[in-house]
Amino acid sequence: MSESKPEALVREAQDIEYESVDAADGLAKGVLINESHGAPNVALRRFTLAPGGEVPKHTNDVEHEQYVLRGEYIVGIDDTEHTVSPGDALHIPAGVVHWYRNEGDEEGAFICAVPTGDDDIQLVE
């Protein structure tokens, strides 16, 4: 019995659909690649954060690696706020409280890589 070889895939920008994230104000998510596209280990997503947009304090069940593409915005991790800009990279371990706020006039955008599977989000009061 032979296993099938994984299929390579190229998804063009116009094929990526973005949806608003209900728990946040001004945040949209586009799934670039995940297990439904044949990637068994890592999901790659692109987020945009509108000027004035905010994501409340929350935790995730999985780690996040992020790369800032555009804009300047604030990422809170634990008790510290960081101003991030294009080229910055972040690691947010699983279970760590974090949040986002865009106080600028330009949309923020970042790539976020997470392990595939369930990424349960818990809002923090």
PDB file of N, CA and C in Angstrom:
ATOM      1  N   MET A   1       0.852  -1.188   0.000  1.00  0.00           N
ATOM      2  CA  MET A   1       0.000   0.000   0.000  1.00  0.00           C
ATOM      3  C   MET A   1       0.891   1.242   0.000  1.00  0.00           C
ATOM      4  N   SER A   2       0.757   2.067  -0.995  1.00  0.00           N
ATOM      5  CA  SER A   2       1.596   3.263  -1.077  1.00  0.00           C
ATOM      6  C   SER A   2       0.797   4.497  -0.672  1.00  0.00           C
ATOM      7  N   GLU A   3       1.480   5.404   0.013  1.00  0.00           N
ATOM      8  CA  GLU A   3       0.836   6.658   0.416  1.00  0.00           C
ATOM      9  C   GLU A   3       0.912   7.641  -0.739  1.00  0.00           C
ATOM     10  N   SER A   4      -0.118   8.464  -0.859  1.00  0.00           N
ATOM     11  CA  SER A   4      -0.094   9.457  -1.929  1.00  0.00           C
ATOM     12  C   SER A   4       0.800  10.626  -1.528  1.00  0.00           C
ATOM     13  N   LYS A   5       1.455  11.171  -2.523  1.00  0.00           N
ATOM     14  CA  LYS A   5       2.344  12.309  -2.313  1.00  0.00           C
ATOM     15  C   LYS A   5       1.495  13.569  -2.123  1.00  0.00           C
ATOM     16  N   PRO A   6       1.841  14.424  -1.130  1.00  0.00           N
ATOM     17  CA  PRO A   6       1.082  15.676  -0.948  1.00  0.00           C
ATOM     18  C   PRO A   6       1.120  16.526  -2.211  1.00  0.00           C
ATOM     19  N   GLU A   7       0.031  17.213  -2.470  1.00  0.00           N
ATOM     20  CA  GLU A   7      -0.082  18.075  -3.641  1.00  0.00           C
ATOM     21  C   GLU A   7       0.467  19.468  -3.334  1.00  0.00           C
ATOM     22  N   ALA A   8       1.233  20.019  -4.253  1.00  0.00           N
ATOM     23  CA  ALA A   8       1.685  21.407  -4.143  1.00  0.00           C
ATOM     24  C   ALA A   8       0.514  22.309  -4.516  1.00  0.00           C
ATOM     25  N   LEU A   9       0.540  23.528  -4.058  1.00  0.00           N
ATOM     26  CA  LEU A   9      -0.578  24.440  -4.291  1.00  0.00           C
ATOM     27  C   LEU A   9      -0.086  25.872  -4.351  1.00  0.00           C
ATOM     28  N   VAL A  10      -0.621  26.634  -5.287  1.00  0.00           N
ATOM     29  CA  VAL A  10      -0.425  28.081  -5.332  1.00  0.00           C
ATOM     30  C   VAL A  10      -1.809  28.700  -5.323  1.00  0.00           C
ATOM     31  N   ARG A  11      -2.074  29.557  -4.350  1.00  0.00           N
ATOM     32  CA  ARG A  11      -3.352  30.272  -4.294  1.00  0.00           C
ATOM     33  C   ARG A  11      -3.086  31.724  -4.671  1.00  0.00           C
ATOM     34  N   GLU A  12      -3.814  32.232  -5.620  1.00  0.00           N
ATOM     35  CA  GLU A  12      -3.631  33.608  -6.058  1.00  0.00           C
ATOM     36  C   GLU A  12      -4.376  34.561  -5.136  1.00  0.00           C
ATOM     37  N   ALA A  13      -3.857  35.771  -5.018  1.00  0.00           N
ATOM     38  CA  ALA A  13      -4.397  36.766  -4.085  1.00  0.00           C
ATOM     39  C   ALA A  13      -5.901  36.969  -4.260  1.00  0.00           C
ATOM     40  N   GLN A  14      -6.376  37.000  -5.508  1.00  0.00           N
ATOM     41  CA  GLN A  14      -7.799  37.262  -5.737  1.00  0.00           C
ATOM     42  C   GLN A  14      -8.688  36.098  -5.271  1.00  0.00           C
ATOM     43  N   ASP A  15      -8.086  34.947  -4.970  1.00  0.00           N
ATOM     44  CA  ASP A  15      -8.862  33.797  -4.509  1.00  0.00           C
ATOM     45  C   ASP A  15      -8.997  33.741  -2.986  1.00  0.00           C
ATOM     46  N   ILE A  16      -8.332  34.649  -2.281  1.00  0.00           N
ATOM     47  CA  ILE A  16      -8.388  34.667  -0.815  1.00  0.00           C
ATOM     48  C   ILE A  16      -9.596  35.489  -0.383  1.00  0.00           C
ATOM     49  N   GLU A  17     -10.463  34.878   0.412  1.00  0.00           N
ATOM     50  CA  GLU A  17     -11.645  35.580   0.932  1.00  0.00           C
ATOM     51  C   GLU A  17     -11.381  36.043   2.357  1.00  0.00           C
ATOM     52  N   TYR A  18     -11.796  37.278   2.648  1.00  0.00           N
ATOM     53  CA  TYR A  18     -11.619  37.855   3.978  1.00  0.00           C
ATOM     54  C   TYR A  18     -12.975  37.960   4.661  1.00  0.00           C
ATOM     55  N   GLU A  19     -12.988  37.646   5.960  1.00  0.00           N
ATOM     56  CA  GLU A  19     -14.204  37.740   6.759  1.00  0.00           C
ATOM     57  C   GLU A  19     -13.916  38.554   8.008  1.00  0.00           C
ATOM     58  N   SER A  20     -14.896  39.327   8.452  1.00  0.00           N
ATOM     59  CA  SER A  20     -14.768  40.057   9.711  1.00  0.00           C
ATOM     60  C   SER A  20     -14.702  39.063  10.859  1.00  0.00           C
ATOM     61  N   VAL A  21     -13.908  39.405  11.863  1.00  0.00           N
ATOM     62  CA  VAL A  21     -13.794  38.574  13.061  1.00  0.00           C
ATOM     63  C   VAL A  21     -14.781  39.125  14.083  1.00  0.00           C
ATOM     64  N   ASP A  22     -15.764  38.312  14.468  1.00  0.00           N
ATOM     65  CA  ASP A  22     -16.866  38.761  15.325  1.00  0.00           C
ATOM     66  C   ASP A  22     -16.422  39.344  16.662  1.00  0.00           C
ATOM     67  N   ALA A  23     -15.411  38.764  17.286  1.00  0.00           N
ATOM     68  CA  ALA A  23     -15.015  39.183  18.631  1.00  0.00           C
ATOM     69  C   ALA A  23     -14.221  40.483  18.637  1.00  0.00           C
ATOM     70  N   ALA A  24     -13.911  41.032  17.446  1.00  0.00           N
ATOM     71  CA  ALA A  24     -13.059  42.220  17.356  1.00  0.00           C
ATOM     72  C   ALA A  24     -13.759  43.320  16.580  1.00  0.00           C
ATOM     73  N   ASP A  25     -13.209  44.536  16.680  1.00  0.00           N
ATOM     74  CA  ASP A  25     -13.734  45.693  15.958  1.00  0.00           C
ATOM     75  C   ASP A  25     -12.716  46.103  14.907  1.00  0.00           C
ATOM     76  N   GLY A  26     -13.046  45.909  13.622  1.00  0.00           N
ATOM     77  CA  GLY A  26     -12.152  46.339  12.551  1.00  0.00           C
ATOM     78  C   GLY A  26     -11.118  45.312  12.133  1.00  0.00           C
ATOM     79  N   LEU A  27     -11.276  44.053  12.569  1.00  0.00           N
ATOM     80  CA  LEU A  27     -10.327  43.002  12.216  1.00  0.00           C
ATOM     81  C   LEU A  27     -10.942  42.078  11.174  1.00  0.00           C
ATOM     82  N   ALA A  28     -10.188  41.789  10.112  1.00  0.00           N
ATOM     83  CA  ALA A  28     -10.633  40.844   9.089  1.00  0.00           C
ATOM     84  C   ALA A  28      -9.556  39.779   8.906  1.00  0.00           C
ATOM     85  N   LYS A  29     -10.005  38.540   8.618  1.00  0.00           N
ATOM     86  CA  LYS A  29      -9.089  37.401   8.475  1.00  0.00           C
ATOM     87  C   LYS A  29      -9.281  36.735   7.129  1.00  0.00           C
ATOM     88  N   GLY A  30      -8.163  36.466   6.467  1.00  0.00           N
ATOM     89  CA  GLY A  30      -8.151  35.666   5.253  1.00  0.00           C
ATOM     90  C   GLY A  30      -7.306  34.433   5.495  1.00  0.00           C
ATOM     91  N   VAL A  31      -7.872  33.251   5.254  1.00  0.00           N
ATOM     92  CA  VAL A  31      -7.105  32.013   5.397  1.00  0.00           C
ATOM     93  C   VAL A  31      -6.342  31.792   4.087  1.00  0.00           C
ATOM     94  N   LEU A  32      -5.025  31.854   4.174  1.00  0.00           N
ATOM     95  CA  LEU A  32      -4.190  31.695   2.985  1.00  0.00           C
ATOM     96  C   LEU A  32      -4.009  30.215   2.651  1.00  0.00           C
ATOM     97  N   ILE A  33      -3.590  29.455   3.646  1.00  0.00           N
ATOM     98  CA  ILE A  33      -3.358  28.015   3.504  1.00  0.00           C
ATOM     99  C   ILE A  33      -3.711  27.354   4.831  1.00  0.00           C
ATOM    100  N   ASN A  34      -4.419  26.230   4.776  1.00  0.00           N
ATOM    101  CA  ASN A  34      -4.646  25.425   5.974  1.00  0.00           C
ATOM    102  C   ASN A  34      -4.838  23.969   5.576  1.00  0.00           C
ATOM    103  N   GLU A  35      -5.314  23.160   6.507  1.00  0.00           N
ATOM    104  CA  GLU A  35      -5.431  21.736   6.221  1.00  0.00           C
ATOM    105  C   GLU A  35      -6.389  21.433   5.070  1.00  0.00           C
ATOM    106  N   SER A  36      -7.382  22.292   4.848  1.00  0.00           N
ATOM    107  CA  SER A  36      -8.304  22.059   3.730  1.00  0.00           C
ATOM    108  C   SER A  36      -7.613  22.257   2.373  1.00  0.00           C
ATOM    109  N   HIS A  37      -6.435  22.885   2.385  1.00  0.00           N
ATOM    110  CA  HIS A  37      -5.649  23.081   1.169  1.00  0.00           C
ATOM    111  C   HIS A  37      -4.521  22.054   1.075  1.00  0.00           C
ATOM    112  N   GLY A  38      -4.507  21.091   1.987  1.00  0.00           N
ATOM    113  CA  GLY A  38      -3.503  20.034   1.956  1.00  0.00           C
ATOM    114  C   GLY A  38      -2.289  20.270   2.824  1.00  0.00           C
ATOM    115  N   ALA A  39      -2.306  21.303   3.681  1.00  0.00           N
ATOM    116  CA  ALA A  39      -1.182  21.582   4.581  1.00  0.00           C
ATOM    117  C   ALA A  39      -1.478  20.924   5.933  1.00  0.00           C
ATOM    118  N   PRO A  40      -0.795  19.842   6.285  1.00  0.00           N
ATOM    119  CA  PRO A  40      -1.161  19.090   7.483  1.00  0.00           C
ATOM    120  C   PRO A  40      -0.686  19.690   8.809  1.00  0.00           C
ATOM    121  N   ASN A  41       0.284  20.604   8.786  1.00  0.00           N
ATOM    122  CA  ASN A  41       0.914  21.041  10.030  1.00  0.00           C
ATOM    123  C   ASN A  41       0.718  22.499  10.405  1.00  0.00           C
ATOM    124  N   VAL A  42       0.677  23.394   9.407  1.00  0.00           N
ATOM    125  CA  VAL A  42       0.662  24.825   9.685  1.00  0.00           C
ATOM    126  C   VAL A  42      -0.460  25.496   8.899  1.00  0.00           C
ATOM    127  N   ALA A  43      -1.179  26.396   9.569  1.00  0.00           N
ATOM    128  CA  ALA A  43      -2.163  27.243   8.896  1.00  0.00           C
ATOM    129  C   ALA A  43      -1.567  28.638   8.777  1.00  0.00           C
ATOM    130  N   LEU A  44      -1.672  29.223   7.594  1.00  0.00           N
ATOM    131  CA  LEU A  44      -1.132  30.554   7.333  1.00  0.00           C
ATOM    132  C   LEU A  44      -2.314  31.467   7.048  1.00  0.00           C
ATOM    133  N   ARG A  45      -2.393  32.567   7.835  1.00  0.00           N
ATOM    134  CA  ARG A  45      -3.525  33.480   7.718  1.00  0.00           C
ATOM    135  C   ARG A  45      -3.000  34.905   7.584  1.00  0.00           C
ATOM    136  N   ARG A  46      -3.811  35.773   6.939  1.00  0.00           N
ATOM    137  CA  ARG A  46      -3.474  37.191   6.828  1.00  0.00           C
ATOM    138  C   ARG A  46      -4.605  37.978   7.474  1.00  0.00           C
ATOM    139  N   PHE A  47      -4.236  38.887   8.365  1.00  0.00           N
ATOM    140  CA  PHE A  47      -5.215  39.722   9.061  1.00  0.00           C
ATOM    141  C   PHE A  47      -5.012  41.178   8.668  1.00  0.00           C
ATOM    142  N   THR A  48      -6.110  41.934   8.649  1.00  0.00           N
ATOM    143  CA  THR A  48      -6.038  43.386   8.513  1.00  0.00           C
ATOM    144  C   THR A  48      -6.737  44.004   9.716  1.00  0.00           C
ATOM    145  N   LEU A  49      -6.180  45.103  10.211  1.00  0.00           N
ATOM    146  CA  LEU A  49      -6.735  45.826  11.355  1.00  0.00           C
ATOM    147  C   LEU A  49      -6.947  47.274  10.935  1.00  0.00           C
ATOM    148  N   ALA A  50      -8.210  47.665  10.826  1.00  0.00           N
ATOM    149  CA  ALA A  50      -8.581  48.998  10.350  1.00  0.00           C
ATOM    150  C   ALA A  50      -8.106  50.079  11.315  1.00  0.00           C
ATOM    151  N   PRO A  51      -7.901  51.310  10.816  1.00  0.00           N
ATOM    152  CA  PRO A  51      -7.610  52.428  11.722  1.00  0.00           C
ATOM    153  C   PRO A  51      -8.716  52.510  12.778  1.00  0.00           C
ATOM    154  N   GLY A  52      -8.323  52.638  14.040  1.00  0.00           N
ATOM    155  CA  GLY A  52      -9.285  52.656  15.142  1.00  0.00           C
ATOM    156  C   GLY A  52      -9.749  51.279  15.567  1.00  0.00           C
ATOM    157  N   GLY A  53      -9.300  50.243  14.889  1.00  0.00           N
ATOM    158  CA  GLY A  53      -9.715  48.873  15.207  1.00  0.00           C
ATOM    159  C   GLY A  53      -9.078  48.355  16.486  1.00  0.00           C
ATOM    160  N   GLU A  54      -9.807  47.461  17.152  1.00  0.00           N
ATOM    161  CA  GLU A  54      -9.313  46.867  18.393  1.00  0.00           C
ATOM    162  C   GLU A  54      -9.697  45.402  18.471  1.00  0.00           C
ATOM    163  N   VAL A  55      -8.798  44.612  19.032  1.00  0.00           N
ATOM    164  CA  VAL A  55      -9.065  43.215  19.342  1.00  0.00           C
ATOM    165  C   VAL A  55      -8.954  43.098  20.853  1.00  0.00           C
ATOM    166  N   PRO A  56     -10.004  42.611  21.536  1.00  0.00           N
ATOM    167  CA  PRO A  56      -9.964  42.562  22.997  1.00  0.00           C
ATOM    168  C   PRO A  56      -8.944  41.557  23.524  1.00  0.00           C
ATOM    169  N   LYS A  57      -8.637  41.691  24.809  1.00  0.00           N
ATOM    170  CA  LYS A  57      -7.724  40.750  25.459  1.00  0.00           C
ATOM    171  C   LYS A  57      -8.294  39.339  25.333  1.00  0.00           C
ATOM    172  N   HIS A  58      -7.412  38.415  24.909  1.00  0.00           N
ATOM    173  CA  HIS A  58      -7.838  37.031  24.738  1.00  0.00           C
ATOM    174  C   HIS A  58      -6.631  36.101  24.816  1.00  0.00           C
ATOM    175  N   THR A  59      -6.921  34.818  24.894  1.00  0.00           N
ATOM    176  CA  THR A  59      -5.896  33.785  24.789  1.00  0.00           C
ATOM    177  C   THR A  59      -6.305  32.830  23.680  1.00  0.00           C
ATOM    178  N   ASN A  60      -5.336  32.091  23.182  1.00  0.00           N
ATOM    179  CA  ASN A  60      -5.577  31.050  22.184  1.00  0.00           C
ATOM    180  C   ASN A  60      -4.979  29.742  22.690  1.00  0.00           C
ATOM    181  N   ASP A  61      -5.539  28.642  22.228  1.00  0.00           N
ATOM    182  CA  ASP A  61      -5.037  27.329  22.632  1.00  0.00           C
ATOM    183  C   ASP A  61      -3.728  26.958  21.948  1.00  0.00           C
ATOM    184  N   VAL A  62      -3.364  27.700  20.903  1.00  0.00           N
ATOM    185  CA  VAL A  62      -2.145  27.378  20.154  1.00  0.00           C
ATOM    186  C   VAL A  62      -1.234  28.597  20.066  1.00  0.00           C
ATOM    187  N   GLU A  63       0.050  28.358  19.838  1.00  0.00           N
ATOM    188  CA  GLU A  63       1.003  29.449  19.659  1.00  0.00           C
ATOM    189  C   GLU A  63       0.724  30.189  18.356  1.00  0.00           C
ATOM    190  N   HIS A  64       1.202  31.437  18.287  1.00  0.00           N
ATOM    191  CA  HIS A  64       1.084  32.264  17.086  1.00  0.00           C
ATOM    192  C   HIS A  64       2.464  32.804  16.730  1.00  0.00           C
ATOM    193  N   GLU A  65       2.809  32.743  15.451  1.00  0.00           N
ATOM    194  CA  GLU A  65       3.961  33.456  14.930  1.00  0.00           C
ATOM    195  C   GLU A  65       3.405  34.474  13.944  1.00  0.00           C
ATOM    196  N   GLN A  66       3.822  35.727  14.100  1.00  0.00           N
ATOM    197  CA  GLN A  66       3.267  36.789  13.256  1.00  0.00           C
ATOM    198  C   GLN A  66       4.378  37.604  12.619  1.00  0.00           C
ATOM    199  N   TYR A  67       4.063  38.133  11.426  1.00  0.00           N
ATOM    200  CA  TYR A  67       4.983  39.002  10.698  1.00  0.00           C
ATOM    201  C   TYR A  67       4.187  40.200  10.205  1.00  0.00           C
ATOM    202  N   VAL A  68       4.619  41.406  10.612  1.00  0.00           N
ATOM    203  CA  VAL A  68       3.895  42.632  10.275  1.00  0.00           C
ATOM    204  C   VAL A  68       4.211  43.036   8.835  1.00  0.00           C
ATOM    205  N   LEU A  69       3.150  43.218   8.049  1.00  0.00           N
ATOM    206  CA  LEU A  69       3.285  43.595   6.643  1.00  0.00           C
ATOM    207  C   LEU A  69       3.133  45.090   6.408  1.00  0.00           C
ATOM    208  N   ARG A  70       2.165  45.694   7.113  1.00  0.00           N
ATOM    209  CA  ARG A  70       1.799  47.085   6.808  1.00  0.00           C
ATOM    210  C   ARG A  70       1.272  47.764   8.072  1.00  0.00           C
ATOM    211  N   GLY A  71       1.464  49.080   8.124  1.00  0.00           N
ATOM    212  CA  GLY A  71       0.908  49.883   9.206  1.00  0.00           C
ATOM    213  C   GLY A  71       1.747  49.824  10.469  1.00  0.00           C
ATOM    214  N   GLU A  72       1.305  50.590  11.435  1.00  0.00           N
ATOM    215  CA  GLU A  72       1.912  50.595  12.760  1.00  0.00           C
ATOM    216  C   GLU A  72       0.767  50.486  13.743  1.00  0.00           C
ATOM    217  N   TYR A  73       0.840  49.492  14.641  1.00  0.00           N
ATOM    218  CA  TYR A  73      -0.236  49.277  15.595  1.00  0.00           C
ATOM    219  C   TYR A  73       0.347  48.716  16.885  1.00  0.00           C
ATOM    220  N   ILE A  74      -0.485  48.605  17.886  1.00  0.00           N
ATOM    221  CA  ILE A  74      -0.044  48.167  19.211  1.00  0.00           C
ATOM    222  C   ILE A  74      -0.474  46.723  19.424  1.00  0.00           C
ATOM    223  N   VAL A  75       0.476  45.919  19.912  1.00  0.00           N
ATOM    224  CA  VAL A  75       0.180  44.551  20.328  1.00  0.00           C
ATOM    225  C   VAL A  75       0.503  44.463  21.812  1.00  0.00           C
ATOM    226  N   GLY A  76      -0.494  44.138  22.606  1.00  0.00           N
ATOM    227  CA  GLY A  76      -0.283  43.896  24.028  1.00  0.00           C
ATOM    228  C   GLY A  76      -0.033  42.415  24.238  1.00  0.00           C
ATOM    229  N   ILE A  77       1.026  42.107  24.985  1.00  0.00           N
ATOM    230  CA  ILE A  77       1.338  40.718  25.322  1.00  0.00           C
ATOM    231  C   ILE A  77       1.623  40.685  26.813  1.00  0.00           C
ATOM    232  N   ASP A  78       0.846  39.866  27.537  1.00  0.00           N
ATOM    233  CA  ASP A  78       0.903  39.851  29.002  1.00  0.00           C
ATOM    234  C   ASP A  78       0.614  41.265  29.506  1.00  0.00           C
ATOM    235  N   ASP A  79       1.570  41.902  30.176  1.00  0.00           N
ATOM    236  CA  ASP A  79       1.340  43.238  30.735  1.00  0.00           C
ATOM    237  C   ASP A  79       2.071  44.336  29.971  1.00  0.00           C
ATOM    238  N   THR A  80       2.606  44.026  28.793  1.00  0.00           N
ATOM    239  CA  THR A  80       3.416  44.989  28.051  1.00  0.00           C
ATOM    240  C   THR A  80       2.805  45.277  26.690  1.00  0.00           C
ATOM    241  N   GLU A  81       2.763  46.573  26.321  1.00  0.00           N
ATOM    242  CA  GLU A  81       2.304  46.957  24.995  1.00  0.00           C
ATOM    243  C   GLU A  81       3.523  47.258  24.126  1.00  0.00           C
ATOM    244  N   HIS A  82       3.485  46.727  22.885  1.00  0.00           N
ATOM    245  CA  HIS A  82       4.570  46.905  21.919  1.00  0.00           C
ATOM    246  C   HIS A  82       4.003  47.597  20.689  1.00  0.00           C
ATOM    247  N   THR A  83       4.671  48.639  20.203  1.00  0.00           N
ATOM    248  CA  THR A  83       4.307  49.244  18.927  1.00  0.00           C
ATOM    249  C   THR A  83       5.076  48.495  17.855  1.00  0.00           C
ATOM    250  N   VAL A  84       4.331  47.917  16.898  1.00  0.00           N
ATOM    251  CA  VAL A  84       4.968  47.123  15.849  1.00  0.00           C
ATOM    252  C   VAL A  84       4.776  47.809  14.508  1.00  0.00           C
ATOM    253  N   SER A  85       5.702  47.533  13.584  1.00  0.00           N
ATOM    254  CA  SER A  85       5.658  48.123  12.243  1.00  0.00           C
ATOM    255  C   SER A  85       6.198  47.104  11.246  1.00  0.00           C
ATOM    256  N   PRO A  86       6.083  47.398   9.939  1.00  0.00           N
ATOM    257  CA  PRO A  86       6.470  46.424   8.924  1.00  0.00           C
ATOM    258  C   PRO A  86       7.868  45.858   9.138  1.00  0.00           C
ATOM    259  N   GLY A  87       7.952  44.529   9.010  1.00  0.00           N
ATOM    260  CA  GLY A  87       9.213  43.825   9.197  1.00  0.00           C
ATOM    261  C   GLY A  87       9.376  43.227  10.571  1.00  0.00           C
ATOM    262  N   ASP A  88       8.559  43.667  11.545  1.00  0.00           N
ATOM    263  CA  ASP A  88       8.639  43.104  12.894  1.00  0.00           C
ATOM    264  C   ASP A  88       8.015  41.717  12.919  1.00  0.00           C
ATOM    265  N   ALA A  89       8.550  40.843  13.772  1.00  0.00           N
ATOM    266  CA  ALA A  89       8.041  39.488  13.936  1.00  0.00           C
ATOM    267  C   ALA A  89       7.731  39.248  15.403  1.00  0.00           C
ATOM    268  N   LEU A  90       6.683  38.459  15.663  1.00  0.00           N
ATOM    269  CA  LEU A  90       6.234  38.202  17.028  1.00  0.00           C
ATOM    270  C   LEU A  90       6.028  36.714  17.242  1.00  0.00           C
ATOM    271  N   HIS A  91       6.276  36.278  18.470  1.00  0.00           N
ATOM    272  CA  HIS A  91       5.915  34.926  18.910  1.00  0.00           C
ATOM    273  C   HIS A  91       5.027  35.088  20.139  1.00  0.00           C
ATOM    274  N   ILE A  92       3.819  34.567  20.057  1.00  0.00           N
ATOM    275  CA  ILE A  92       2.881  34.615  21.187  1.00  0.00           C
ATOM    276  C   ILE A  92       2.598  33.171  21.583  1.00  0.00           C
ATOM    277  N   PRO A  93       3.124  32.735  22.739  1.00  0.00           N
ATOM    278  CA  PRO A  93       2.918  31.346  23.151  1.00  0.00           C
ATOM    279  C   PRO A  93       1.442  31.039  23.426  1.00  0.00           C
ATOM    280  N   ALA A  94       1.083  29.779  23.334  1.00  0.00           N
ATOM    281  CA  ALA A  94      -0.275  29.338  23.651  1.00  0.00           C
ATOM    282  C   ALA A  94      -0.629  29.756  25.074  1.00  0.00           C
ATOM    283  N   GLY A  95      -1.855  30.233  25.265  1.00  0.00           N
ATOM    284  CA  GLY A  95      -2.348  30.566  26.592  1.00  0.00           C
ATOM    285  C   GLY A  95      -1.952  31.931  27.118  1.00  0.00           C
ATOM    286  N   VAL A  96      -1.146  32.700  26.370  1.00  0.00           N
ATOM    287  CA  VAL A  96      -0.697  34.018  26.826  1.00  0.00           C
ATOM    288  C   VAL A  96      -1.728  35.073  26.410  1.00  0.00           C
ATOM    289  N   VAL A  97      -2.109  35.941  27.355  1.00  0.00           N
ATOM    290  CA  VAL A  97      -3.071  37.010  27.077  1.00  0.00           C
ATOM    291  C   VAL A  97      -2.446  38.013  26.112  1.00  0.00           C
ATOM    292  N   HIS A  98      -3.200  38.376  25.067  1.00  0.00           N
ATOM    293  CA  HIS A  98      -2.728  39.377  24.110  1.00  0.00           C
ATOM    294  C   HIS A  98      -3.913  40.111  23.508  1.00  0.00           C
ATOM    295  N   TRP A  99      -3.624  41.299  22.906  1.00  0.00           N
ATOM    296  CA  TRP A  99      -4.638  42.155  22.309  1.00  0.00           C
ATOM    297  C   TRP A  99      -3.989  43.071  21.293  1.00  0.00           C
ATOM    298  N   TYR A 100      -4.810  43.740  20.484  1.00  0.00           N
ATOM    299  CA  TYR A 100      -4.324  44.602  19.403  1.00  0.00           C
ATOM    300  C   TYR A 100      -5.123  45.905  19.403  1.00  0.00           C
ATOM    301  N   ARG A 101      -4.469  46.990  18.979  1.00  0.00           N
ATOM    302  CA  ARG A 101      -5.134  48.290  18.869  1.00  0.00           C
ATOM    303  C   ARG A 101      -4.429  49.104  17.793  1.00  0.00           C
ATOM    304  N   ASN A 102      -5.199  49.610  16.849  1.00  0.00           N
ATOM    305  CA  ASN A 102      -4.628  50.442  15.790  1.00  0.00           C
ATOM    306  C   ASN A 102      -5.049  51.885  16.017  1.00  0.00           C
ATOM    307  N   GLU A 103      -4.123  52.690  16.538  1.00  0.00           N
ATOM    308  CA  GLU A 103      -4.399  54.095  16.817  1.00  0.00           C
ATOM    309  C   GLU A 103      -4.004  54.992  15.649  1.00  0.00           C
ATOM    310  N   GLY A 104      -3.469  54.403  14.571  1.00  0.00           N
ATOM    311  CA  GLY A 104      -2.991  55.192  13.438  1.00  0.00           C
ATOM    312  C   GLY A 104      -4.063  55.429  12.396  1.00  0.00           C
ATOM    313  N   ASP A 105      -3.649  56.088  11.307  1.00  0.00           N
ATOM    314  CA  ASP A 105      -4.547  56.406  10.198  1.00  0.00           C
ATOM    315  C   ASP A 105      -4.452  55.387   9.069  1.00  0.00           C
ATOM    316  N   GLU A 106      -3.518  54.438   9.183  1.00  0.00           N
ATOM    317  CA  GLU A 106      -3.285  53.454   8.126  1.00  0.00           C
ATOM    318  C   GLU A 106      -3.708  52.069   8.609  1.00  0.00           C
ATOM    319  N   GLU A 107      -4.290  51.293   7.694  1.00  0.00           N
ATOM    320  CA  GLU A 107      -4.645  49.914   8.021  1.00  0.00           C
ATOM    321  C   GLU A 107      -3.386  49.126   8.366  1.00  0.00           C
ATOM    322  N   GLY A 108      -3.471  48.302   9.380  1.00  0.00           N
ATOM    323  CA  GLY A 108      -2.397  47.374   9.715  1.00  0.00           C
ATOM    324  C   GLY A 108      -2.668  46.043   9.041  1.00  0.00           C
ATOM    325  N   ALA A 109      -1.617  45.314   8.734  1.00  0.00           N
ATOM    326  CA  ALA A 109      -1.780  43.979   8.159  1.00  0.00           C
ATOM    327  C   ALA A 109      -0.641  43.098   8.641  1.00  0.00           C
ATOM    328  N   PHE A 110      -0.971  41.836   8.927  1.00  0.00           N
ATOM    329  CA  PHE A 110       0.063  40.899   9.354  1.00  0.00           C
ATOM    330  C   PHE A 110      -0.284  39.480   8.931  1.00  0.00           C
ATOM    331  N   ILE A 111       0.766  38.688   8.786  1.00  0.00           N
ATOM    332  CA  ILE A 111       0.652  37.255   8.533  1.00  0.00           C
ATOM    333  C   ILE A 111       0.724  36.562   9.889  1.00  0.00           C
ATOM    334  N   CYS A 112      -0.097  35.547  10.069  1.00  0.00           N
ATOM    335  CA  CYS A 112      -0.100  34.780  11.311  1.00  0.00           C
ATOM    336  C   CYS A 112      -0.049  33.294  10.966  1.00  0.00           C
ATOM    337  N   ALA A 113       0.935  32.595  11.504  1.00  0.00           N
ATOM    338  CA  ALA A 113       1.061  31.151  11.315  1.00  0.00           C
ATOM    339  C   ALA A 113       0.737  30.465  12.629  1.00  0.00           C
ATOM    340  N   VAL A 114      -0.100  29.428  12.547  1.00  0.00           N
ATOM    341  CA  VAL A 114      -0.488  28.640  13.723  1.00  0.00           C
ATOM    342  C   VAL A 114      -0.488  27.170  13.338  1.00  0.00           C
ATOM    343  N   PRO A 115      -0.357  26.276  14.323  1.00  0.00           N
ATOM    344  CA  PRO A 115      -0.523  24.861  14.009  1.00  0.00           C
ATOM    345  C   PRO A 115      -1.947  24.609  13.494  1.00  0.00           C
ATOM    346  N   THR A 116      -2.109  23.662  12.595  1.00  0.00           N
ATOM    347  CA  THR A 116      -3.446  23.336  12.101  1.00  0.00           C
ATOM    348  C   THR A 116      -4.279  22.732  13.235  1.00  0.00           C
ATOM    349  N   GLY A 117      -5.581  22.724  13.029  1.00  0.00           N
ATOM    350  CA  GLY A 117      -6.487  22.187  14.041  1.00  0.00           C
ATOM    351  C   GLY A 117      -7.236  23.293  14.737  1.00  0.00           C
ATOM    352  N   ASP A 118      -7.851  22.962  15.856  1.00  0.00           N
ATOM    353  CA  ASP A 118      -8.696  23.904  16.574  1.00  0.00           C
ATOM    354  C   ASP A 118      -7.867  24.993  17.237  1.00  0.00           C
ATOM    355  N   ASP A 119      -8.287  26.236  17.058  1.00  0.00           N
ATOM    356  CA  ASP A 119      -7.621  27.398  17.675  1.00  0.00           C
ATOM    357  C   ASP A 119      -8.655  28.103  18.534  1.00  0.00           C
ATOM    358  N   ASP A 120      -9.018  27.497  19.646  1.00  0.00           N
ATOM    359  CA  ASP A 120     -10.067  28.038  20.506  1.00  0.00           C
ATOM    360  C   ASP A 120      -9.612  29.353  21.132  1.00  0.00           C
ATOM    361  N   ILE A 121     -10.466  30.376  21.002  1.00  0.00           N
ATOM    362  CA  ILE A 121     -10.179  31.713  21.533  1.00  0.00           C
ATOM    363  C   ILE A 121     -11.004  31.932  22.786  1.00  0.00           C
ATOM    364  N   GLN A 122     -10.339  32.389  23.852  1.00  0.00           N
ATOM    365  CA  GLN A 122     -11.019  32.716  25.100  1.00  0.00           C
ATOM    366  C   GLN A 122     -10.837  34.196  25.396  1.00  0.00           C
ATOM    367  N   LEU A 123     -11.952  34.953  25.439  1.00  0.00           N
ATOM    368  CA  LEU A 123     -11.855  36.367  25.797  1.00  0.00           C
ATOM    369  C   LEU A 123     -11.530  36.499  27.267  1.00  0.00           C
ATOM    370  N   VAL A 124     -10.759  37.525  27.621  1.00  0.00           N
ATOM    371  CA  VAL A 124     -10.332  37.763  28.995  1.00  0.00           C
ATOM    372  C   VAL A 124     -11.030  39.032  29.469  1.00  0.00           C
ATOM    373  N   GLU A 125     -11.675  38.968  30.604  1.00  0.00           N
ATOM    374  CA  GLU A 125     -12.406  40.139  31.141  1.00  0.00           C
ATOM    375  C   GLU A 125     -11.432  41.166  31.669  1.00  0.00           C
TER     376      GLU A 125
END
